[in-house]
Amino acid sequence: MDPVLFEEWMMTGLVTLLIIFMGFIVWDLAKKSKAGRFGSFILFFVLGLGVAAFIIKSVVIGLIESGAL
């Protein structure tokens, strides 16, 4: 297997697992702190913004490397 392909698969897989784990941590934090619906929404919204930024960065890098931008 090509090391570059392996690195790409592992990066995608491990970042996905990290995001899921961070979601669990935020859920547990919201539950233990009794944040309520609005507080939980804010916590997950901020986590979602971080995930969205990571995805947007990946898309922009792909577009730049392909010459579309």
PDB file of N, CA and C in Angstrom:
ATOM      1  N   MET A   1       0.851  -1.176   0.000  1.00  0.00           N
ATOM      2  CA  MET A   1       0.000   0.000   0.000  1.00  0.00           C
ATOM      3  C   MET A   1       0.898   1.241   0.000  1.00  0.00           C
ATOM      4  N   ASP A   2       0.488   2.205  -0.781  1.00  0.00           N
ATOM      5  CA  ASP A   2       1.221   3.460  -0.889  1.00  0.00           C
ATOM      6  C   ASP A   2       1.146   4.222   0.439  1.00  0.00           C
ATOM      7  N   PRO A   3       2.274   4.680   0.957  1.00  0.00           N
ATOM      8  CA  PRO A   3       2.251   5.399   2.243  1.00  0.00           C
ATOM      9  C   PRO A   3       1.374   6.653   2.227  1.00  0.00           C
ATOM     10  N   VAL A   4       1.309   7.334   1.103  1.00  0.00           N
ATOM     11  CA  VAL A   4       0.486   8.544   1.024  1.00  0.00           C
ATOM     12  C   VAL A   4      -0.988   8.185   1.158  1.00  0.00           C
ATOM     13  N   LEU A   5      -1.405   7.102   0.495  1.00  0.00           N
ATOM     14  CA  LEU A   5      -2.797   6.650   0.586  1.00  0.00           C
ATOM     15  C   LEU A   5      -3.119   6.197   2.010  1.00  0.00           C
ATOM     16  N   PHE A   6      -2.198   5.452   2.617  1.00  0.00           N
ATOM     17  CA  PHE A   6      -2.389   5.008   4.000  1.00  0.00           C
ATOM     18  C   PHE A   6      -2.515   6.201   4.943  1.00  0.00           C
ATOM     19  N   GLU A   7      -1.658   7.195   4.740  1.00  0.00           N
ATOM     20  CA  GLU A   7      -1.701   8.389   5.583  1.00  0.00           C
ATOM     21  C   GLU A   7      -3.030   9.122   5.419  1.00  0.00           C
ATOM     22  N   GLU A   8      -3.531   9.210   4.195  1.00  0.00           N
ATOM     23  CA  GLU A   8      -4.808   9.882   3.955  1.00  0.00           C
ATOM     24  C   GLU A   8      -5.957   9.143   4.638  1.00  0.00           C
ATOM     25  N   TRP A   9      -5.974   7.814   4.529  1.00  0.00           N
ATOM     26  CA  TRP A   9      -7.030   7.018   5.174  1.00  0.00           C
ATOM     27  C   TRP A   9      -6.977   7.156   6.689  1.00  0.00           C
ATOM     28  N   MET A  10      -5.775   7.062   7.245  1.00  0.00           N
ATOM     29  CA  MET A  10      -5.636   7.163   8.697  1.00  0.00           C
ATOM     30  C   MET A  10      -6.014   8.558   9.189  1.00  0.00           C
ATOM     31  N   MET A  11      -5.624   9.582   8.452  1.00  0.00           N
ATOM     32  CA  MET A  11      -5.976  10.951   8.841  1.00  0.00           C
ATOM     33  C   MET A  11      -7.490  11.103   8.871  1.00  0.00           C
ATOM     34  N   THR A  12      -8.161  10.646   7.822  1.00  0.00           N
ATOM     35  CA  THR A  12      -9.617  10.754   7.760  1.00  0.00           C
ATOM     36  C   THR A  12     -10.271   9.945   8.875  1.00  0.00           C
ATOM     37  N   GLY A  13      -9.844   8.711   9.045  1.00  0.00           N
ATOM     38  CA  GLY A  13     -10.445   7.844  10.056  1.00  0.00           C
ATOM     39  C   GLY A  13     -10.200   8.320  11.476  1.00  0.00           C
ATOM     40  N   LEU A  14      -8.973   8.695  11.766  1.00  0.00           N
ATOM     41  CA  LEU A  14      -8.645   9.102  13.133  1.00  0.00           C
ATOM     42  C   LEU A  14      -9.232  10.464  13.483  1.00  0.00           C
ATOM     43  N   VAL A  15      -9.306  11.368  12.520  1.00  0.00           N
ATOM     44  CA  VAL A  15      -9.948  12.659  12.793  1.00  0.00           C
ATOM     45  C   VAL A  15     -11.436  12.451  13.034  1.00  0.00           C
ATOM     46  N   THR A  16     -12.049  11.535  12.281  1.00  0.00           N
ATOM     47  CA  THR A  16     -13.461  11.214  12.500  1.00  0.00           C
ATOM     48  C   THR A  16     -13.676  10.670  13.909  1.00  0.00           C
ATOM     49  N   LEU A  17     -12.816   9.753  14.334  1.00  0.00           N
ATOM     50  CA  LEU A  17     -12.920   9.219  15.697  1.00  0.00           C
ATOM     51  C   LEU A  17     -12.697  10.310  16.745  1.00  0.00           C
ATOM     52  N   LEU A  18     -11.773  11.215  16.481  1.00  0.00           N
ATOM     53  CA  LEU A  18     -11.520  12.315  17.411  1.00  0.00           C
ATOM     54  C   LEU A  18     -12.743  13.218  17.534  1.00  0.00           C
ATOM     55  N   ILE A  19     -13.406  13.498  16.416  1.00  0.00           N
ATOM     56  CA  ILE A  19     -14.602  14.343  16.439  1.00  0.00           C
ATOM     57  C   ILE A  19     -15.719  13.657  17.214  1.00  0.00           C
ATOM     58  N   ILE A  20     -15.884  12.355  17.008  1.00  0.00           N
ATOM     59  CA  ILE A  20     -16.908  11.607  17.748  1.00  0.00           C
ATOM     60  C   ILE A  20     -16.592  11.628  19.245  1.00  0.00           C
ATOM     61  N   PHE A  21     -15.325  11.433  19.589  1.00  0.00           N
ATOM     62  CA  PHE A  21     -14.923  11.453  20.995  1.00  0.00           C
ATOM     63  C   PHE A  21     -15.148  12.834  21.609  1.00  0.00           C
ATOM     64  N   MET A  22     -14.832  13.894  20.865  1.00  0.00           N
ATOM     65  CA  MET A  22     -15.077  15.249  21.375  1.00  0.00           C
ATOM     66  C   MET A  22     -16.567  15.491  21.567  1.00  0.00           C
ATOM     67  N   GLY A  23     -17.397  14.935  20.673  1.00  0.00           N
ATOM     68  CA  GLY A  23     -18.847  15.044  20.844  1.00  0.00           C
ATOM     69  C   GLY A  23     -19.300  14.373  22.130  1.00  0.00           C
ATOM     70  N   PHE A  24     -18.733  13.197  22.422  1.00  0.00           N
ATOM     71  CA  PHE A  24     -19.058  12.511  23.670  1.00  0.00           C
ATOM     72  C   PHE A  24     -18.633  13.339  24.879  1.00  0.00           C
ATOM     73  N   ILE A  25     -17.445  13.936  24.807  1.00  0.00           N
ATOM     74  CA  ILE A  25     -16.958  14.758  25.917  1.00  0.00           C
ATOM     75  C   ILE A  25     -17.882  15.950  26.149  1.00  0.00           C
ATOM     76  N   VAL A  26     -18.304  16.610  25.073  1.00  0.00           N
ATOM     77  CA  VAL A  26     -19.195  17.769  25.201  1.00  0.00           C
ATOM     78  C   VAL A  26     -20.537  17.333  25.768  1.00  0.00           C
ATOM     79  N   TRP A  27     -21.061  16.199  25.298  1.00  0.00           N
ATOM     80  CA  TRP A  27     -22.334  15.683  25.814  1.00  0.00           C
ATOM     81  C   TRP A  27     -22.220  15.398  27.308  1.00  0.00           C
ATOM     82  N   ASP A  28     -21.126  14.751  27.711  1.00  0.00           N
ATOM     83  CA  ASP A  28     -20.916  14.436  29.124  1.00  0.00           C
ATOM     84  C   ASP A  28     -20.766  15.714  29.954  1.00  0.00           C
ATOM     85  N   LEU A  29     -20.049  16.690  29.421  1.00  0.00           N
ATOM     86  CA  LEU A  29     -19.893  17.972  30.107  1.00  0.00           C
ATOM     87  C   LEU A  29     -21.237  18.669  30.275  1.00  0.00           C
ATOM     88  N   ALA A  30     -22.052  18.662  29.230  1.00  0.00           N
ATOM     89  CA  ALA A  30     -23.371  19.306  29.305  1.00  0.00           C
ATOM     90  C   ALA A  30     -24.258  18.596  30.323  1.00  0.00           C
ATOM     91  N   LYS A  31     -24.167  17.265  30.353  1.00  0.00           N
ATOM     92  CA  LYS A  31     -24.990  16.495  31.285  1.00  0.00           C
ATOM     93  C   LYS A  31     -24.556  16.734  32.731  1.00  0.00           C
ATOM     94  N   LYS A  32     -23.254  16.689  32.989  1.00  0.00           N
ATOM     95  CA  LYS A  32     -22.759  16.837  34.361  1.00  0.00           C
ATOM     96  C   LYS A  32     -22.928  18.255  34.889  1.00  0.00           C
ATOM     97  N   SER A  33     -22.869  19.238  34.005  1.00  0.00           N
ATOM     98  CA  SER A  33     -23.010  20.624  34.457  1.00  0.00           C
ATOM     99  C   SER A  33     -24.460  21.083  34.449  1.00  0.00           C
ATOM    100  N   LYS A  34     -25.364  20.200  34.040  1.00  0.00           N
ATOM    101  CA  LYS A  34     -26.797  20.515  33.965  1.00  0.00           C
ATOM    102  C   LYS A  34     -27.014  21.792  33.152  1.00  0.00           C
ATOM    103  N   ALA A  35     -26.434  21.802  31.949  1.00  0.00           N
ATOM    104  CA  ALA A  35     -26.440  23.000  31.109  1.00  0.00           C
ATOM    105  C   ALA A  35     -27.823  23.321  30.553  1.00  0.00           C
ATOM    106  N   GLY A  36     -28.701  22.368  30.470  1.00  0.00           N
ATOM    107  CA  GLY A  36     -30.010  22.626  29.893  1.00  0.00           C
ATOM    108  C   GLY A  36     -29.954  22.555  28.374  1.00  0.00           C
ATOM    109  N   ARG A  37     -31.104  22.762  27.746  1.00  0.00           N
ATOM    110  CA  ARG A  37     -31.167  22.638  26.289  1.00  0.00           C
ATOM    111  C   ARG A  37     -30.369  23.717  25.579  1.00  0.00           C
ATOM    112  N   PHE A  38     -30.552  24.960  26.011  1.00  0.00           N
ATOM    113  CA  PHE A  38     -29.865  26.059  25.338  1.00  0.00           C
ATOM    114  C   PHE A  38     -28.350  25.959  25.515  1.00  0.00           C
ATOM    115  N   GLY A  39     -27.904  25.668  26.721  1.00  0.00           N
ATOM    116  CA  GLY A  39     -26.471  25.526  26.970  1.00  0.00           C
ATOM    117  C   GLY A  39     -25.869  24.377  26.183  1.00  0.00           C
ATOM    118  N   SER A  40     -26.593  23.255  26.125  1.00  0.00           N
ATOM    119  CA  SER A  40     -26.120  22.113  25.343  1.00  0.00           C
ATOM    120  C   SER A  40     -26.059  22.468  23.863  1.00  0.00           C
ATOM    121  N   PHE A  41     -27.069  23.218  23.393  1.00  0.00           N
ATOM    122  CA  PHE A  41     -27.078  23.646  21.997  1.00  0.00           C
ATOM    123  C   PHE A  41     -25.856  24.506  21.691  1.00  0.00           C
ATOM    124  N   ILE A  42     -25.548  25.433  22.578  1.00  0.00           N
ATOM    125  CA  ILE A  42     -24.386  26.308  22.370  1.00  0.00           C
ATOM    126  C   ILE A  42     -23.100  25.489  22.346  1.00  0.00           C
ATOM    127  N   LEU A  43     -22.958  24.550  23.273  1.00  0.00           N
ATOM    128  CA  LEU A  43     -21.755  23.718  23.312  1.00  0.00           C
ATOM    129  C   LEU A  43     -21.586  22.929  22.015  1.00  0.00           C
ATOM    130  N   PHE A  44     -22.653  22.282  21.556  1.00  0.00           N
ATOM    131  CA  PHE A  44     -22.565  21.489  20.330  1.00  0.00           C
ATOM    132  C   PHE A  44     -22.436  22.376  19.092  1.00  0.00           C
ATOM    133  N   PHE A  45     -23.027  23.572  19.121  1.00  0.00           N
ATOM    134  CA  PHE A  45     -22.896  24.499  17.999  1.00  0.00           C
ATOM    135  C   PHE A  45     -21.440  24.916  17.812  1.00  0.00           C
ATOM    136  N   VAL A  46     -20.767  25.230  18.912  1.00  0.00           N
ATOM    137  CA  VAL A  46     -19.361  25.632  18.831  1.00  0.00           C
ATOM    138  C   VAL A  46     -18.507  24.465  18.354  1.00  0.00           C
ATOM    139  N   LEU A  47     -18.769  23.262  18.854  1.00  0.00           N
ATOM    140  CA  LEU A  47     -18.050  22.088  18.370  1.00  0.00           C
ATOM    141  C   LEU A  47     -18.314  21.894  16.882  1.00  0.00           C
ATOM    142  N   GLY A  48     -19.550  22.087  16.458  1.00  0.00           N
ATOM    143  CA  GLY A  48     -19.901  21.958  15.041  1.00  0.00           C
ATOM    144  C   GLY A  48     -19.187  22.974  14.168  1.00  0.00           C
ATOM    145  N   LEU A  49     -18.989  24.193  14.686  1.00  0.00           N
ATOM    146  CA  LEU A  49     -18.243  25.196  13.921  1.00  0.00           C
ATOM    147  C   LEU A  49     -16.801  24.750  13.691  1.00  0.00           C
ATOM    148  N   GLY A  50     -16.205  24.144  14.699  1.00  0.00           N
ATOM    149  CA  GLY A  50     -14.843  23.634  14.544  1.00  0.00           C
ATOM    150  C   GLY A  50     -14.768  22.528  13.512  1.00  0.00           C
ATOM    151  N   VAL A  51     -15.737  21.627  13.522  1.00  0.00           N
ATOM    152  CA  VAL A  51     -15.790  20.537  12.544  1.00  0.00           C
ATOM    153  C   VAL A  51     -16.005  21.112  11.145  1.00  0.00           C
ATOM    154  N   ALA A  52     -16.921  22.076  11.024  1.00  0.00           N
ATOM    155  CA  ALA A  52     -17.188  22.695   9.724  1.00  0.00           C
ATOM    156  C   ALA A  52     -15.938  23.392   9.186  1.00  0.00           C
ATOM    157  N   ALA A  53     -15.192  24.061  10.049  1.00  0.00           N
ATOM    158  CA  ALA A  53     -13.959  24.724   9.615  1.00  0.00           C
ATOM    159  C   ALA A  53     -12.948  23.709   9.102  1.00  0.00           C
ATOM    160  N   PHE A  54     -12.841  22.560   9.760  1.00  0.00           N
ATOM    161  CA  PHE A  54     -11.918  21.515   9.308  1.00  0.00           C
ATOM    162  C   PHE A  54     -12.332  20.995   7.936  1.00  0.00           C
ATOM    163  N   ILE A  55     -13.632  20.777   7.727  1.00  0.00           N
ATOM    164  CA  ILE A  55     -14.120  20.279   6.441  1.00  0.00           C
ATOM    165  C   ILE A  55     -13.908  21.324   5.345  1.00  0.00           C
ATOM    166  N   ILE A  56     -14.219  22.575   5.640  1.00  0.00           N
ATOM    167  CA  ILE A  56     -14.027  23.644   4.655  1.00  0.00           C
ATOM    168  C   ILE A  56     -12.550  23.767   4.282  1.00  0.00           C
ATOM    169  N   LYS A  57     -11.671  23.662   5.275  1.00  0.00           N
ATOM    170  CA  LYS A  57     -10.235  23.726   5.002  1.00  0.00           C
ATOM    171  C   LYS A  57      -9.813  22.606   4.063  1.00  0.00           C
ATOM    172  N   SER A  58     -10.314  21.401   4.286  1.00  0.00           N
ATOM    173  CA  SER A  58      -9.976  20.268   3.427  1.00  0.00           C
ATOM    174  C   SER A  58     -10.472  20.489   2.002  1.00  0.00           C
ATOM    175  N   VAL A  59     -11.677  21.022   1.862  1.00  0.00           N
ATOM    176  CA  VAL A  59     -12.237  21.280   0.531  1.00  0.00           C
ATOM    177  C   VAL A  59     -11.428  22.354  -0.189  1.00  0.00           C
ATOM    178  N   VAL A  60     -11.092  23.431   0.502  1.00  0.00           N
ATOM    179  CA  VAL A  60     -10.323  24.515  -0.118  1.00  0.00           C
ATOM    180  C   VAL A  60      -8.943  24.026  -0.538  1.00  0.00           C
ATOM    181  N   ILE A  61      -8.283  23.241   0.300  1.00  0.00           N
ATOM    182  CA  ILE A  61      -6.972  22.697  -0.055  1.00  0.00           C
ATOM    183  C   ILE A  61      -7.089  21.802  -1.282  1.00  0.00           C
ATOM    184  N   GLY A  62      -8.141  20.973  -1.334  1.00  0.00           N
ATOM    185  CA  GLY A  62      -8.354  20.126  -2.504  1.00  0.00           C
ATOM    186  C   GLY A  62      -8.571  20.936  -3.769  1.00  0.00           C
ATOM    187  N   LEU A  63      -9.327  22.018  -3.665  1.00  0.00           N
ATOM    188  CA  LEU A  63      -9.560  22.878  -4.828  1.00  0.00           C
ATOM    189  C   LEU A  63      -8.282  23.584  -5.271  1.00  0.00           C
ATOM    190  N   ILE A  64      -7.486  24.032  -4.320  1.00  0.00           N
ATOM    191  CA  ILE A  64      -6.231  24.706  -4.667  1.00  0.00           C
ATOM    192  C   ILE A  64      -5.272  23.730  -5.336  1.00  0.00           C
ATOM    193  N   GLU A  65      -5.169  22.512  -4.799  1.00  0.00           N
ATOM    194  CA  GLU A  65      -4.255  21.526  -5.374  1.00  0.00           C
ATOM    195  C   GLU A  65      -4.694  21.064  -6.752  1.00  0.00           C
ATOM    196  N   SER A  66      -6.007  21.049  -7.005  1.00  0.00           N
ATOM    197  CA  SER A  66      -6.487  20.619  -8.321  1.00  0.00           C
ATOM    198  C   SER A  66      -6.410  21.743  -9.350  1.00  0.00           C
ATOM    199  N   GLY A  67      -6.152  22.958  -8.899  1.00  0.00           N
ATOM    200  CA  GLY A  67      -6.036  24.086  -9.808  1.00  0.00           C
ATOM    201  C   GLY A  67      -7.347  24.781 -10.086  1.00  0.00           C
ATOM    202  N   ALA A  68      -8.401  24.424  -9.368  1.00  0.00           N
ATOM    203  CA  ALA A  68      -9.706  25.041  -9.588  1.00  0.00           C
ATOM    204  C   ALA A  68      -9.780  26.440  -8.989  1.00  0.00           C
ATOM    205  N   LEU A  69      -8.938  26.740  -8.034  1.00  0.00           N
ATOM    206  CA  LEU A  69      -8.920  28.086  -7.437  1.00  0.00           C
ATOM    207  C   LEU A  69      -7.645  28.809  -7.801  1.00  0.00           C
TER     208      LEU A  69
END
